[in-house]
Amino acid sequence: MSSSISVPGLPETLATSTSMRVPSVKWAQRRDRLLLTIEAPQGVSPTLSLQEGTDNTLVYSCTASSEDSSSYALSLELFGSINASETRMQIQKSGAMLVVIAMKLTAGPHWPRLLKAPGKAPAHIKVDFDKFIDEDEEEELANAKDFDLGDMDNLSLYDDPYDKDIHTDSEDSDDEDVPGLDKA
């Protein structure tokens, strides 16, 4: 019993397989990149293609292990533009998990969602809270890297010219003894 499943952008061998499964996807983002984790528990020999241009589509497919006759396939039309030449992928756990770092074409604010289509994301796409960093937190981390306490070695650079009492030896009424207090 063979059924034909039409999935745009997938190789014909996968489109005509007996059963097709959709892998789960976890995603997070930074100003300049997307972090995707695609999980196909029995998947082997994963393939990934990124189509730049107007559709910015990520297509994933893999065959299943020898004891399972199903295959995994996924096609995501992304919200924004990506740079396919700078995108990297790493296969982990014997092909069961594929980690993709897709570089955004232009660094900028976070995308409001992963997919171009508005509305709620499909059930197999979830936010990866282990890798999630809020846009404000990302900016704070970038600023923290630029902060160096070693630059504060010469405190005279930070003198306030209008605050003469602290940094000069001038006489001040605060330096006088308070009557009625004995010095110990």
C-alpha atoms as a PDB file:
ATOM      1  CA  MET A   1       0.000   0.000   0.000  1.00  0.00           C
ATOM      2  CA  SER A   2       1.765   3.095  -1.233  1.00  0.00           C
ATOM      3  CA  SER A   3       0.427   6.597  -0.825  1.00  0.00           C
ATOM      4  CA  SER A   4       1.809   9.684  -2.461  1.00  0.00           C
ATOM      5  CA  ILE A   5       2.382  12.728  -0.301  1.00  0.00           C
ATOM      6  CA  SER A   6       3.142  15.984  -2.019  1.00  0.00           C
ATOM      7  CA  VAL A   7       5.513  18.124   0.008  1.00  0.00           C
ATOM      8  CA  PRO A   8       6.958  21.133  -1.840  1.00  0.00           C
ATOM      9  CA  GLY A   9      10.743  21.183  -2.065  1.00  0.00           C
ATOM     10  CA  LEU A  10      11.263  17.558  -1.017  1.00  0.00           C
ATOM     11  CA  PRO A  11      13.067  14.955  -3.103  1.00  0.00           C
ATOM     12  CA  GLU A  12      10.691  12.726  -5.079  1.00  0.00           C
ATOM     13  CA  THR A  13      11.940   9.613  -3.227  1.00  0.00           C
ATOM     14  CA  LEU A  14      10.634  11.019   0.042  1.00  0.00           C
ATOM     15  CA  ALA A  15       7.413  12.362  -1.429  1.00  0.00           C
ATOM     16  CA  THR A  16       6.403   8.845  -2.549  1.00  0.00           C
ATOM     17  CA  SER A  17       7.387   6.938   0.607  1.00  0.00           C
ATOM     18  CA  THR A  18       4.823   4.836   2.463  1.00  0.00           C
ATOM     19  CA  SER A  19       4.514   7.063   5.520  1.00  0.00           C
ATOM     20  CA  MET A  20       5.821  10.539   6.239  1.00  0.00           C
ATOM     21  CA  ARG A  21       6.368  12.030   9.687  1.00  0.00           C
ATOM     22  CA  VAL A  22       6.992  15.622  10.679  1.00  0.00           C
ATOM     23  CA  PRO A  23       9.947  16.085  13.076  1.00  0.00           C
ATOM     24  CA  SER A  24       9.655  18.376  16.073  1.00  0.00           C
ATOM     25  CA  VAL A  25      11.465  21.710  15.880  1.00  0.00           C
ATOM     26  CA  LYS A  26      12.701  23.905  18.714  1.00  0.00           C
ATOM     27  CA  TRP A  27      13.877  27.408  17.884  1.00  0.00           C
ATOM     28  CA  ALA A  28      15.447  30.474  19.456  1.00  0.00           C
ATOM     29  CA  GLN A  29      17.017  33.546  17.927  1.00  0.00           C
ATOM     30  CA  ARG A  30      19.584  36.268  18.331  1.00  0.00           C
ATOM     31  CA  ARG A  31      19.821  39.566  16.484  1.00  0.00           C
ATOM     32  CA  ASP A  32      21.963  37.970  13.766  1.00  0.00           C
ATOM     33  CA  ARG A  33      20.952  34.292  13.674  1.00  0.00           C
ATOM     34  CA  LEU A  34      18.338  31.603  14.231  1.00  0.00           C
ATOM     35  CA  LEU A  35      19.038  28.536  16.353  1.00  0.00           C
ATOM     36  CA  LEU A  36      17.001  25.527  15.229  1.00  0.00           C
ATOM     37  CA  THR A  37      17.008  22.022  16.667  1.00  0.00           C
ATOM     38  CA  ILE A  38      15.263  19.445  14.489  1.00  0.00           C
ATOM     39  CA  GLU A  39      14.532  16.140  16.242  1.00  0.00           C
ATOM     40  CA  ALA A  40      13.752  12.956  14.323  1.00  0.00           C
ATOM     41  CA  PRO A  41      14.169  10.070  16.814  1.00  0.00           C
ATOM     42  CA  GLN A  42      14.709   7.251  14.288  1.00  0.00           C
ATOM     43  CA  GLY A  43      16.093   9.454  11.523  1.00  0.00           C
ATOM     44  CA  VAL A  44      19.321   8.727   9.671  1.00  0.00           C
ATOM     45  CA  SER A  45      21.031  10.497   6.769  1.00  0.00           C
ATOM     46  CA  PRO A  46      19.479  13.930   7.227  1.00  0.00           C
ATOM     47  CA  THR A  47      19.541  16.472   4.405  1.00  0.00           C
ATOM     48  CA  LEU A  48      18.929  20.177   4.726  1.00  0.00           C
ATOM     49  CA  SER A  49      18.479  22.795   2.056  1.00  0.00           C
ATOM     50  CA  LEU A  50      17.928  26.509   2.388  1.00  0.00           C
ATOM     51  CA  GLN A  51      16.302  28.390  -0.421  1.00  0.00           C
ATOM     52  CA  GLU A  52      17.150  32.078  -0.394  1.00  0.00           C
ATOM     53  CA  GLY A  53      15.175  34.745  -2.152  1.00  0.00           C
ATOM     54  CA  THR A  54      11.559  35.610  -1.825  1.00  0.00           C
ATOM     55  CA  ASP A  55      10.413  32.484   0.003  1.00  0.00           C
ATOM     56  CA  ASN A  56      13.346  31.833   2.407  1.00  0.00           C
ATOM     57  CA  THR A  57      12.389  28.215   2.884  1.00  0.00           C
ATOM     58  CA  LEU A  58      14.201  25.641   4.996  1.00  0.00           C
ATOM     59  CA  VAL A  59      13.627  22.063   3.807  1.00  0.00           C
ATOM     60  CA  TYR A  60      14.656  19.086   5.964  1.00  0.00           C
ATOM     61  CA  SER A  61      14.319  15.401   5.186  1.00  0.00           C
ATOM     62  CA  CYS A  62      15.763  12.147   6.437  1.00  0.00           C
ATOM     63  CA  THR A  63      15.155   8.464   6.017  1.00  0.00           C
ATOM     64  CA  ALA A  64      14.091   6.381   8.967  1.00  0.00           C
ATOM     65  CA  SER A  65      16.085   3.598  10.550  1.00  0.00           C
ATOM     66  CA  SER A  66      16.050   0.143   8.968  1.00  0.00           C
ATOM     67  CA  GLU A  67      13.303  -1.217  11.271  1.00  0.00           C
ATOM     68  CA  ASP A  68      10.930   1.636  10.443  1.00  0.00           C
ATOM     69  CA  SER A  69       9.551   2.277   6.948  1.00  0.00           C
ATOM     70  CA  SER A  70       8.625   5.912   7.535  1.00  0.00           C
ATOM     71  CA  SER A  71      10.591   9.022   6.702  1.00  0.00           C
ATOM     72  CA  TYR A  72      10.740  12.523   8.149  1.00  0.00           C
ATOM     73  CA  ALA A  73      10.143  15.691   6.158  1.00  0.00           C
ATOM     74  CA  LEU A  74       9.707  19.336   7.001  1.00  0.00           C
ATOM     75  CA  SER A  75       9.399  22.547   5.020  1.00  0.00           C
ATOM     76  CA  LEU A  76       9.425  25.905   6.853  1.00  0.00           C
ATOM     77  CA  GLU A  77       8.802  29.237   5.149  1.00  0.00           C
ATOM     78  CA  LEU A  78      10.719  31.559   7.471  1.00  0.00           C
ATOM     79  CA  PHE A  79       9.559  35.003   8.588  1.00  0.00           C
ATOM     80  CA  GLY A  80      12.626  36.860   7.343  1.00  0.00           C
ATOM     81  CA  SER A  81      15.591  36.491   5.036  1.00  0.00           C
ATOM     82  CA  ILE A  82      18.485  34.135   5.770  1.00  0.00           C
ATOM     83  CA  ASN A  83      21.988  33.805   4.372  1.00  0.00           C
ATOM     84  CA  ALA A  84      22.324  30.223   3.152  1.00  0.00           C
ATOM     85  CA  SER A  85      26.079  30.456   2.519  1.00  0.00           C
ATOM     86  CA  GLU A  86      26.807  31.279   6.189  1.00  0.00           C
ATOM     87  CA  THR A  87      24.351  28.778   7.669  1.00  0.00           C
ATOM     88  CA  ARG A  88      25.887  25.839   9.549  1.00  0.00           C
ATOM     89  CA  MET A  89      24.487  22.527  10.724  1.00  0.00           C
ATOM     90  CA  GLN A  90      25.691  19.868  13.117  1.00  0.00           C
ATOM     91  CA  ILE A  91      24.325  16.342  13.439  1.00  0.00           C
ATOM     92  CA  GLN A  92      24.109  14.967  16.968  1.00  0.00           C
ATOM     93  CA  LYS A  93      23.046  11.651  18.513  1.00  0.00           C
ATOM     94  CA  SER A  94      23.530   9.416  15.469  1.00  0.00           C
ATOM     95  CA  GLY A  95      21.491  11.641  13.184  1.00  0.00           C
ATOM     96  CA  ALA A  96      18.499  11.847  15.524  1.00  0.00           C
ATOM     97  CA  MET A  97      19.032  15.556  16.174  1.00  0.00           C
ATOM     98  CA  LEU A  98      20.180  18.232  13.771  1.00  0.00           C
ATOM     99  CA  VAL A  99      21.263  21.621  15.127  1.00  0.00           C
ATOM    100  CA  VAL A 100      21.073  24.424  12.566  1.00  0.00           C
ATOM    101  CA  ILE A 101      22.503  27.912  12.989  1.00  0.00           C
ATOM    102  CA  ALA A 102      20.906  29.972  10.217  1.00  0.00           C
ATOM    103  CA  MET A 103      22.424  33.403   9.786  1.00  0.00           C
ATOM    104  CA  LYS A 104      19.948  36.217   9.204  1.00  0.00           C
ATOM    105  CA  LEU A 105      20.614  38.240   6.081  1.00  0.00           C
ATOM    106  CA  THR A 106      20.611  41.444   8.125  1.00  0.00           C
ATOM    107  CA  ALA A 107      21.143  41.706  11.861  1.00  0.00           C
ATOM    108  CA  GLY A 108      18.410  43.620  13.562  1.00  0.00           C
ATOM    109  CA  PRO A 109      15.485  43.245  15.896  1.00  0.00           C
ATOM    110  CA  HIS A 110      14.140  39.818  16.775  1.00  0.00           C
ATOM    111  CA  TRP A 111      11.518  38.346  14.490  1.00  0.00           C
ATOM    112  CA  PRO A 112       8.058  38.240  16.065  1.00  0.00           C
ATOM    113  CA  ARG A 113       7.713  34.583  14.998  1.00  0.00           C
ATOM    114  CA  LEU A 114       9.638  31.873  13.137  1.00  0.00           C
ATOM    115  CA  LEU A 115       7.247  31.352  10.250  1.00  0.00           C
ATOM    116  CA  LYS A 116       6.043  33.816   7.664  1.00  0.00           C
ATOM    117  CA  ALA A 117       2.413  32.779   8.125  1.00  0.00           C
ATOM    118  CA  PRO A 118       0.673  34.792  10.852  1.00  0.00           C
ATOM    119  CA  GLY A 119      -1.089  33.135  13.740  1.00  0.00           C
ATOM    120  CA  LYS A 120      -0.221  30.313  16.068  1.00  0.00           C
ATOM    121  CA  ALA A 121       2.714  28.085  15.109  1.00  0.00           C
ATOM    122  CA  PRO A 122       2.026  24.411  14.310  1.00  0.00           C
ATOM    123  CA  ALA A 123       2.177  21.973  17.231  1.00  0.00           C
ATOM    124  CA  HIS A 124       5.550  20.523  16.157  1.00  0.00           C
ATOM    125  CA  ILE A 125       7.290  23.953  16.399  1.00  0.00           C
ATOM    126  CA  LYS A 126       8.171  25.171  19.893  1.00  0.00           C
ATOM    127  CA  VAL A 127      10.379  27.852  21.437  1.00  0.00           C
ATOM    128  CA  ASP A 128      13.664  26.454  22.791  1.00  0.00           C
ATOM    129  CA  PHE A 129      13.724  28.033  26.241  1.00  0.00           C
ATOM    130  CA  ASP A 130      17.142  26.472  26.970  1.00  0.00           C
ATOM    131  CA  LYS A 131      18.647  28.737  24.292  1.00  0.00           C
ATOM    132  CA  PHE A 132      16.151  31.590  24.490  1.00  0.00           C
ATOM    133  CA  ILE A 133      17.487  35.070  25.257  1.00  0.00           C
ATOM    134  CA  ASP A 134      15.167  38.055  25.295  1.00  0.00           C
ATOM    135  CA  GLU A 135      16.120  40.942  23.011  1.00  0.00           C
ATOM    136  CA  ASP A 136      16.798  43.222  26.008  1.00  0.00           C
ATOM    137  CA  GLU A 137      18.954  40.576  27.709  1.00  0.00           C
ATOM    138  CA  GLU A 138      20.958  40.144  24.510  1.00  0.00           C
ATOM    139  CA  GLU A 139      21.668  43.885  24.445  1.00  0.00           C
ATOM    140  CA  GLU A 140      22.735  43.822  28.117  1.00  0.00           C
ATOM    141  CA  LEU A 141      25.099  40.907  27.432  1.00  0.00           C
ATOM    142  CA  ALA A 142      26.648  42.793  24.518  1.00  0.00           C
ATOM    143  CA  ASN A 143      27.126  45.884  26.697  1.00  0.00           C
ATOM    144  CA  ALA A 144      28.590  43.797  29.540  1.00  0.00           C
ATOM    145  CA  LYS A 145      31.298  42.493  27.213  1.00  0.00           C
ATOM    146  CA  ASP A 146      32.332  46.086  26.460  1.00  0.00           C
ATOM    147  CA  PHE A 147      32.478  47.049  30.156  1.00  0.00           C
ATOM    148  CA  ASP A 148      35.993  46.858  31.610  1.00  0.00           C
ATOM    149  CA  LEU A 149      36.741  47.791  35.225  1.00  0.00           C
ATOM    150  CA  GLY A 150      40.417  48.092  34.316  1.00  0.00           C
ATOM    151  CA  ASP A 151      39.585  51.355  32.549  1.00  0.00           C
ATOM    152  CA  MET A 152      38.767  52.888  35.925  1.00  0.00           C
ATOM    153  CA  ASP A 153      42.334  52.705  37.278  1.00  0.00           C
ATOM    154  CA  ASN A 154      42.845  56.450  36.967  1.00  0.00           C
ATOM    155  CA  LEU A 155      39.958  57.821  39.058  1.00  0.00           C
ATOM    156  CA  SER A 156      41.081  61.423  38.535  1.00  0.00           C
ATOM    157  CA  LEU A 157      39.535  61.176  35.075  1.00  0.00           C
ATOM    158  CA  TYR A 158      36.151  60.892  36.756  1.00  0.00           C
ATOM    159  CA  ASP A 159      36.498  63.949  39.068  1.00  0.00           C
ATOM    160  CA  ASP A 160      33.546  66.278  39.136  1.00  0.00           C
ATOM    161  CA  PRO A 161      34.900  69.849  38.813  1.00  0.00           C
ATOM    162  CA  TYR A 162      31.894  71.204  40.729  1.00  0.00           C
ATOM    163  CA  ASP A 163      32.397  68.874  43.704  1.00  0.00           C
ATOM    164  CA  LYS A 164      35.319  70.612  45.440  1.00  0.00           C
ATOM    165  CA  ASP A 165      34.727  69.228  48.958  1.00  0.00           C
ATOM    166  CA  ILE A 166      35.507  65.604  48.212  1.00  0.00           C
ATOM    167  CA  HIS A 167      38.581  65.907  46.037  1.00  0.00           C
ATOM    168  CA  THR A 168      40.376  68.914  47.558  1.00  0.00           C
ATOM    169  CA  ASP A 169      41.897  69.768  50.909  1.00  0.00           C
ATOM    170  CA  SER A 170      39.622  72.762  51.445  1.00  0.00           C
ATOM    171  CA  GLU A 171      38.233  73.551  54.861  1.00  0.00           C
ATOM    172  CA  ASP A 172      34.683  72.429  55.283  1.00  0.00           C
ATOM    173  CA  SER A 173      32.210  72.852  58.089  1.00  0.00           C
ATOM    174  CA  ASP A 174      31.590  69.094  58.036  1.00  0.00           C
ATOM    175  CA  ASP A 175      35.160  68.517  59.220  1.00  0.00           C
ATOM    176  CA  GLU A 176      34.678  70.411  62.504  1.00  0.00           C
ATOM    177  CA  ASP A 177      34.189  68.610  65.810  1.00  0.00           C
ATOM    178  CA  VAL A 178      30.655  68.356  67.097  1.00  0.00           C
ATOM    179  CA  PRO A 179      30.403  69.887  70.572  1.00  0.00           C
ATOM    180  CA  GLY A 180      29.621  67.473  73.347  1.00  0.00           C
ATOM    181  CA  LEU A 181      31.224  64.409  71.756  1.00  0.00           C
ATOM    182  CA  ASP A 182      34.369  63.038  73.284  1.00  0.00           C
ATOM    183  CA  LYS A 183      37.039  61.584  71.045  1.00  0.00           C
ATOM    184  CA  ALA A 184      37.818  58.025  71.958  1.00  0.00           C
END
